Amino acid sequence: MIQQYFQGTDDPGAAREEMLASYPSGRIAEAVEVADAVLFLLSERSSFINGTSLVVDGALLAKTY
């Protein structure tokens, strides 16, 4: 999906660099990283977790502007 977004811009390279610069982690997530978080929440290992959000965003929300 992200590749389609970049291809839909006037300058895909610049759009990618701009997005990369916005992430404190310095990279865009791989789909498997998001899937791993979902699998964890579906597993017994998360059985005591409830009423909270698991943010998988490469520290984007933690970024200080």
PDB file of N, CA and C in Angstrom:
ATOM      1  N   MET A   1       0.823  -1.193   0.000  1.00  0.00           N
ATOM      2  CA  MET A   1       0.000   0.000   0.000  1.00  0.00           C
ATOM      3  C   MET A   1       0.862   1.251   0.000  1.00  0.00           C
ATOM      4  N   ILE A   2       1.935   1.216   0.757  1.00  0.00           N
ATOM      5  CA  ILE A   2       2.780   2.412   0.834  1.00  0.00           C
ATOM      6  C   ILE A   2       3.464   2.684  -0.497  1.00  0.00           C
ATOM      7  N   GLN A   3       3.818   1.632  -1.208  1.00  0.00           N
ATOM      8  CA  GLN A   3       4.434   1.813  -2.524  1.00  0.00           C
ATOM      9  C   GLN A   3       3.443   2.452  -3.493  1.00  0.00           C
ATOM     10  N   GLN A   4       2.184   2.058  -3.419  1.00  0.00           N
ATOM     11  CA  GLN A   4       1.152   2.673  -4.259  1.00  0.00           C
ATOM     12  C   GLN A   4       1.000   4.150  -3.926  1.00  0.00           C
ATOM     13  N   TYR A   5       1.083   4.456  -2.631  1.00  0.00           N
ATOM     14  CA  TYR A   5       1.006   5.864  -2.225  1.00  0.00           C
ATOM     15  C   TYR A   5       2.156   6.651  -2.855  1.00  0.00           C
ATOM     16  N   PHE A   6       3.383   6.135  -2.735  1.00  0.00           N
ATOM     17  CA  PHE A   6       4.538   6.842  -3.294  1.00  0.00           C
ATOM     18  C   PHE A   6       4.398   7.011  -4.803  1.00  0.00           C
ATOM     19  N   GLN A   7       3.961   5.966  -5.495  1.00  0.00           N
ATOM     20  CA  GLN A   7       3.818   6.027  -6.945  1.00  0.00           C
ATOM     21  C   GLN A   7       2.745   7.021  -7.375  1.00  0.00           C
ATOM     22  N   GLY A   8       1.804   7.316  -6.507  1.00  0.00           N
ATOM     23  CA  GLY A   8       0.747   8.267  -6.819  1.00  0.00           C
ATOM     24  C   GLY A   8       1.129   9.719  -6.594  1.00  0.00           C
ATOM     25  N   THR A   9       2.360   9.951  -6.154  1.00  0.00           N
ATOM     26  CA  THR A   9       2.814  11.326  -5.936  1.00  0.00           C
ATOM     27  C   THR A   9       3.607  11.816  -7.138  1.00  0.00           C
ATOM     28  N   ASP A  10       3.823  13.127  -7.206  1.00  0.00           N
ATOM     29  CA  ASP A  10       4.591  13.708  -8.315  1.00  0.00           C
ATOM     30  C   ASP A  10       6.045  13.262  -8.288  1.00  0.00           C
ATOM     31  N   ASP A  11       6.600  13.092  -7.091  1.00  0.00           N
ATOM     32  CA  ASP A  11       8.001  12.693  -6.940  1.00  0.00           C
ATOM     33  C   ASP A  11       8.089  11.592  -5.885  1.00  0.00           C
ATOM     34  N   PRO A  12       7.984  10.330  -6.296  1.00  0.00           N
ATOM     35  CA  PRO A  12       7.988   9.222  -5.337  1.00  0.00           C
ATOM     36  C   PRO A  12       9.211   9.203  -4.418  1.00  0.00           C
ATOM     37  N   GLY A  13      10.375   9.526  -4.945  1.00  0.00           N
ATOM     38  CA  GLY A  13      11.585   9.535  -4.123  1.00  0.00           C
ATOM     39  C   GLY A  13      11.522  10.583  -3.027  1.00  0.00           C
ATOM     40  N   ALA A  14      11.060  11.772  -3.382  1.00  0.00           N
ATOM     41  CA  ALA A  14      10.947  12.852  -2.404  1.00  0.00           C
ATOM     42  C   ALA A  14       9.871  12.530  -1.372  1.00  0.00           C
ATOM     43  N   ALA A  15       8.769  11.929  -1.817  1.00  0.00           N
ATOM     44  CA  ALA A  15       7.698  11.562  -0.885  1.00  0.00           C
ATOM     45  C   ALA A  15       8.211  10.533   0.120  1.00  0.00           C
ATOM     46  N   ARG A  16       8.986   9.562  -0.358  1.00  0.00           N
ATOM     47  CA  ARG A  16       9.552   8.544   0.532  1.00  0.00           C
ATOM     48  C   ARG A  16      10.507   9.176   1.537  1.00  0.00           C
ATOM     49  N   GLU A  17      11.375  10.053   1.077  1.00  0.00           N
ATOM     50  CA  GLU A  17      12.331  10.712   1.972  1.00  0.00           C
ATOM     51  C   GLU A  17      11.619  11.570   3.008  1.00  0.00           C
ATOM     52  N   GLU A  18      10.584  12.257   2.598  1.00  0.00           N
ATOM     53  CA  GLU A  18       9.815  13.083   3.533  1.00  0.00           C
ATOM     54  C   GLU A  18       9.166  12.215   4.610  1.00  0.00           C
ATOM     55  N   MET A  19       8.612  11.074   4.209  1.00  0.00           N
ATOM     56  CA  MET A  19       7.986  10.181   5.177  1.00  0.00           C
ATOM     57  C   MET A  19       9.037   9.592   6.114  1.00  0.00           C
ATOM     58  N   LEU A  20      10.158   9.162   5.567  1.00  0.00           N
ATOM     59  CA  LEU A  20      11.230   8.605   6.402  1.00  0.00           C
ATOM     60  C   LEU A  20      11.707   9.615   7.436  1.00  0.00           C
ATOM     61  N   ALA A  21      11.799  10.867   7.038  1.00  0.00           N
ATOM     62  CA  ALA A  21      12.267  11.915   7.950  1.00  0.00           C
ATOM     63  C   ALA A  21      11.285  12.147   9.096  1.00  0.00           C
ATOM     64  N   SER A  22      10.023  11.794   8.907  1.00  0.00           N
ATOM     65  CA  SER A  22       9.035  12.030   9.956  1.00  0.00           C
ATOM     66  C   SER A  22       9.060  10.962  11.051  1.00  0.00           C
ATOM     67  N   TYR A  23       9.696   9.818  10.792  1.00  0.00           N
ATOM     68  CA  TYR A  23       9.740   8.725  11.763  1.00  0.00           C
ATOM     69  C   TYR A  23      11.022   8.776  12.591  1.00  0.00           C
ATOM     70  N   PRO A  24      10.909   8.852  13.917  1.00  0.00           N
ATOM     71  CA  PRO A  24      12.109   8.827  14.757  1.00  0.00           C
ATOM     72  C   PRO A  24      12.933   7.549  14.562  1.00  0.00           C
ATOM     73  N   SER A  25      12.280   6.458  14.212  1.00  0.00           N
ATOM     74  CA  SER A  25      12.999   5.204  13.987  1.00  0.00           C
ATOM     75  C   SER A  25      13.784   5.237  12.684  1.00  0.00           C
ATOM     76  N   GLY A  26      13.491   6.206  11.830  1.00  0.00           N
ATOM     77  CA  GLY A  26      14.231   6.367  10.590  1.00  0.00           C
ATOM     78  C   GLY A  26      13.870   5.383   9.498  1.00  0.00           C
ATOM     79  N   ARG A  27      12.768   4.669   9.670  1.00  0.00           N
ATOM     80  CA  ARG A  27      12.366   3.710   8.645  1.00  0.00           C
ATOM     81  C   ARG A  27      10.866   3.489   8.701  1.00  0.00           C
ATOM     82  N   ILE A  28      10.357   2.921   7.636  1.00  0.00           N
ATOM     83  CA  ILE A  28       8.941   2.588   7.531  1.00  0.00           C
ATOM     84  C   ILE A  28       8.785   1.133   7.949  1.00  0.00           C
ATOM     85  N   ALA A  29       7.721   0.833   8.650  1.00  0.00           N
ATOM     86  CA  ALA A  29       7.493  -0.531   9.137  1.00  0.00           C
ATOM     87  C   ALA A  29       7.336  -1.520   7.994  1.00  0.00           C
ATOM     88  N   GLU A  30       7.771  -2.725   8.267  1.00  0.00           N
ATOM     89  CA  GLU A  30       7.486  -3.849   7.377  1.00  0.00           C
ATOM     90  C   GLU A  30       6.130  -4.402   7.801  1.00  0.00           C
ATOM     91  N   ALA A  31       5.382  -4.939   6.858  1.00  0.00           N
ATOM     92  CA  ALA A  31       4.060  -5.490   7.166  1.00  0.00           C
ATOM     93  C   ALA A  31       4.135  -6.557   8.249  1.00  0.00           C
ATOM     94  N   VAL A  32       5.201  -7.340   8.250  1.00  0.00           N
ATOM     95  CA  VAL A  32       5.338  -8.413   9.240  1.00  0.00           C
ATOM     96  C   VAL A  32       5.459  -7.852  10.660  1.00  0.00           C
ATOM     97  N   GLU A  33       5.974  -6.653  10.813  1.00  0.00           N
ATOM     98  CA  GLU A  33       6.079  -6.059  12.144  1.00  0.00           C
ATOM     99  C   GLU A  33       4.704  -5.732  12.716  1.00  0.00           C
ATOM    100  N   VAL A  34       3.818  -5.265  11.887  1.00  0.00           N
ATOM    101  CA  VAL A  34       2.447  -4.998  12.320  1.00  0.00           C
ATOM    102  C   VAL A  34       1.730  -6.323  12.569  1.00  0.00           C
ATOM    103  N   ALA A  35       1.930  -7.279  11.675  1.00  0.00           N
ATOM    104  CA  ALA A  35       1.306  -8.600  11.833  1.00  0.00           C
ATOM    105  C   ALA A  35       1.767  -9.275  13.120  1.00  0.00           C
ATOM    106  N   ASP A  36       3.043  -9.133  13.473  1.00  0.00           N
ATOM    107  CA  ASP A  36       3.547  -9.729  14.717  1.00  0.00           C
ATOM    108  C   ASP A  36       2.836  -9.154  15.941  1.00  0.00           C
ATOM    109  N   ALA A  37       2.555  -7.861  15.924  1.00  0.00           N
ATOM    110  CA  ALA A  37       1.833  -7.243  17.042  1.00  0.00           C
ATOM    111  C   ALA A  37       0.414  -7.813  17.138  1.00  0.00           C
ATOM    112  N   VAL A  38      -0.227  -7.979  15.997  1.00  0.00           N
ATOM    113  CA  VAL A  38      -1.577  -8.554  15.981  1.00  0.00           C
ATOM    114  C   VAL A  38      -1.544  -9.992  16.492  1.00  0.00           C
ATOM    115  N   LEU A  39      -0.577 -10.768  16.019  1.00  0.00           N
ATOM    116  CA  LEU A  39      -0.461 -12.162  16.474  1.00  0.00           C
ATOM    117  C   LEU A  39      -0.215 -12.248  17.973  1.00  0.00           C
ATOM    118  N   PHE A  40       0.587 -11.333  18.504  1.00  0.00           N
ATOM    119  CA  PHE A  40       0.813 -11.307  19.943  1.00  0.00           C
ATOM    120  C   PHE A  40      -0.501 -11.079  20.692  1.00  0.00           C
ATOM    121  N   LEU A  41      -1.282 -10.096  20.230  1.00  0.00           N
ATOM    122  CA  LEU A  41      -2.549  -9.798  20.901  1.00  0.00           C
ATOM    123  C   LEU A  41      -3.542 -10.948  20.789  1.00  0.00           C
ATOM    124  N   LEU A  42      -3.422 -11.745  19.756  1.00  0.00           N
ATOM    125  CA  LEU A  42      -4.301 -12.905  19.578  1.00  0.00           C
ATOM    126  C   LEU A  42      -3.825 -14.130  20.362  1.00  0.00           C
ATOM    127  N   SER A  43      -2.608 -14.060  20.874  1.00  0.00           N
ATOM    128  CA  SER A  43      -2.028 -15.225  21.540  1.00  0.00           C
ATOM    129  C   SER A  43      -2.357 -15.251  23.034  1.00  0.00           C
ATOM    130  N   GLU A  44      -2.092 -16.395  23.635  1.00  0.00           N
ATOM    131  CA  GLU A  44      -2.260 -16.552  25.085  1.00  0.00           C
ATOM    132  C   GLU A  44      -1.281 -15.669  25.861  1.00  0.00           C
ATOM    133  N   ARG A  45      -0.181 -15.287  25.247  1.00  0.00           N
ATOM    134  CA  ARG A  45       0.815 -14.449  25.935  1.00  0.00           C
ATOM    135  C   ARG A  45       0.260 -13.072  26.270  1.00  0.00           C
ATOM    136  N   SER A  46      -0.825 -12.680  25.639  1.00  0.00           N
ATOM    137  CA  SER A  46      -1.428 -11.372  25.936  1.00  0.00           C
ATOM    138  C   SER A  46      -2.714 -11.511  26.739  1.00  0.00           C
ATOM    139  N   SER A  47      -2.915 -12.648  27.360  1.00  0.00           N
ATOM    140  CA  SER A  47      -4.190 -12.927  28.020  1.00  0.00           C
ATOM    141  C   SER A  47      -4.532 -11.973  29.172  1.00  0.00           C
ATOM    142  N   PHE A  48      -3.552 -11.302  29.743  1.00  0.00           N
ATOM    143  CA  PHE A  48      -3.813 -10.390  30.858  1.00  0.00           C
ATOM    144  C   PHE A  48      -3.848  -8.927  30.401  1.00  0.00           C
ATOM    145  N   ILE A  49      -3.742  -8.714  29.106  1.00  0.00           N
ATOM    146  CA  ILE A  49      -3.790  -7.362  28.544  1.00  0.00           C
ATOM    147  C   ILE A  49      -5.220  -7.076  28.116  1.00  0.00           C
ATOM    148  N   ASN A  50      -5.754  -5.960  28.599  1.00  0.00           N
ATOM    149  CA  ASN A  50      -7.082  -5.539  28.168  1.00  0.00           C
ATOM    150  C   ASN A  50      -7.251  -4.050  28.415  1.00  0.00           C
ATOM    151  N   GLY A  51      -8.130  -3.443  27.664  1.00  0.00           N
ATOM    152  CA  GLY A  51      -8.448  -2.031  27.858  1.00  0.00           C
ATOM    153  C   GLY A  51      -7.325  -1.079  27.543  1.00  0.00           C
ATOM    154  N   THR A  52      -6.494  -1.417  26.595  1.00  0.00           N
ATOM    155  CA  THR A  52      -5.395  -0.539  26.228  1.00  0.00           C
ATOM    156  C   THR A  52      -5.175  -0.593  24.725  1.00  0.00           C
ATOM    157  N   SER A  53      -4.374   0.309  24.227  1.00  0.00           N
ATOM    158  CA  SER A  53      -4.013   0.329  22.808  1.00  0.00           C
ATOM    159  C   SER A  53      -2.549  -0.049  22.667  1.00  0.00           C
ATOM    160  N   LEU A  54      -2.259  -0.796  21.661  1.00  0.00           N
ATOM    161  CA  LEU A  54      -0.872  -1.123  21.334  1.00  0.00           C
ATOM    162  C   LEU A  54      -0.524  -0.327  20.085  1.00  0.00           C
ATOM    163  N   VAL A  55       0.306   0.666  20.256  1.00  0.00           N
ATOM    164  CA  VAL A  55       0.663   1.548  19.150  1.00  0.00           C
ATOM    165  C   VAL A  55       1.893   0.970  18.451  1.00  0.00           C
ATOM    166  N   VAL A  56       1.754   0.700  17.179  1.00  0.00           N
ATOM    167  CA  VAL A  56       2.846   0.157  16.359  1.00  0.00           C
ATOM    168  C   VAL A  56       3.113   1.189  15.282  1.00  0.00           C
ATOM    169  N   ASP A  57       3.931   2.196  15.625  1.00  0.00           N
ATOM    170  CA  ASP A  57       4.101   3.324  14.695  1.00  0.00           C
ATOM    171  C   ASP A  57       5.541   3.833  14.587  1.00  0.00           C
ATOM    172  N   GLY A  58       6.512   3.051  15.027  1.00  0.00           N
ATOM    173  CA  GLY A  58       7.897   3.485  14.892  1.00  0.00           C
ATOM    174  C   GLY A  58       8.218   4.744  15.662  1.00  0.00           C
ATOM    175  N   ALA A  59       7.523   4.954  16.761  1.00  0.00           N
ATOM    176  CA  ALA A  59       7.707   6.099  17.663  1.00  0.00           C
ATOM    177  C   ALA A  59       7.179   7.415  17.089  1.00  0.00           C
ATOM    178  N   LEU A  60       6.342   7.333  16.072  1.00  0.00           N
ATOM    179  CA  LEU A  60       5.803   8.551  15.457  1.00  0.00           C
ATOM    180  C   LEU A  60       5.012   9.388  16.470  1.00  0.00           C
ATOM    181  N   LEU A  61       4.172   8.746  17.292  1.00  0.00           N
ATOM    182  CA  LEU A  61       3.396   9.498  18.281  1.00  0.00           C
ATOM    183  C   LEU A  61       4.262  10.041  19.412  1.00  0.00           C
ATOM    184  N   ALA A  62       5.395   9.418  19.658  1.00  0.00           N
ATOM    185  CA  ALA A  62       6.278   9.855  20.736  1.00  0.00           C
ATOM    186  C   ALA A  62       7.175  11.017  20.311  1.00  0.00           C
ATOM    187  N   LYS A  63       7.176  11.314  19.042  1.00  0.00           N
ATOM    188  CA  LYS A  63       8.040  12.356  18.501  1.00  0.00           C
ATOM    189  C   LYS A  63       7.661  13.716  19.069  1.00  0.00           C
ATOM    190  N   THR A  64       8.647  14.453  19.491  1.00  0.00           N
ATOM    191  CA  THR A  64       8.433  15.805  19.993  1.00  0.00           C
ATOM    192  C   THR A  64       8.599  16.781  18.844  1.00  0.00           C
ATOM    193  N   TYR A  65       7.608  17.627  18.670  1.00  0.00           N
ATOM    194  CA  TYR A  65       7.675  18.609  17.577  1.00  0.00           C
ATOM    195  C   TYR A  65       8.222  19.903  18.056  1.00  0.00           C
TER     196      TYR A  65
END
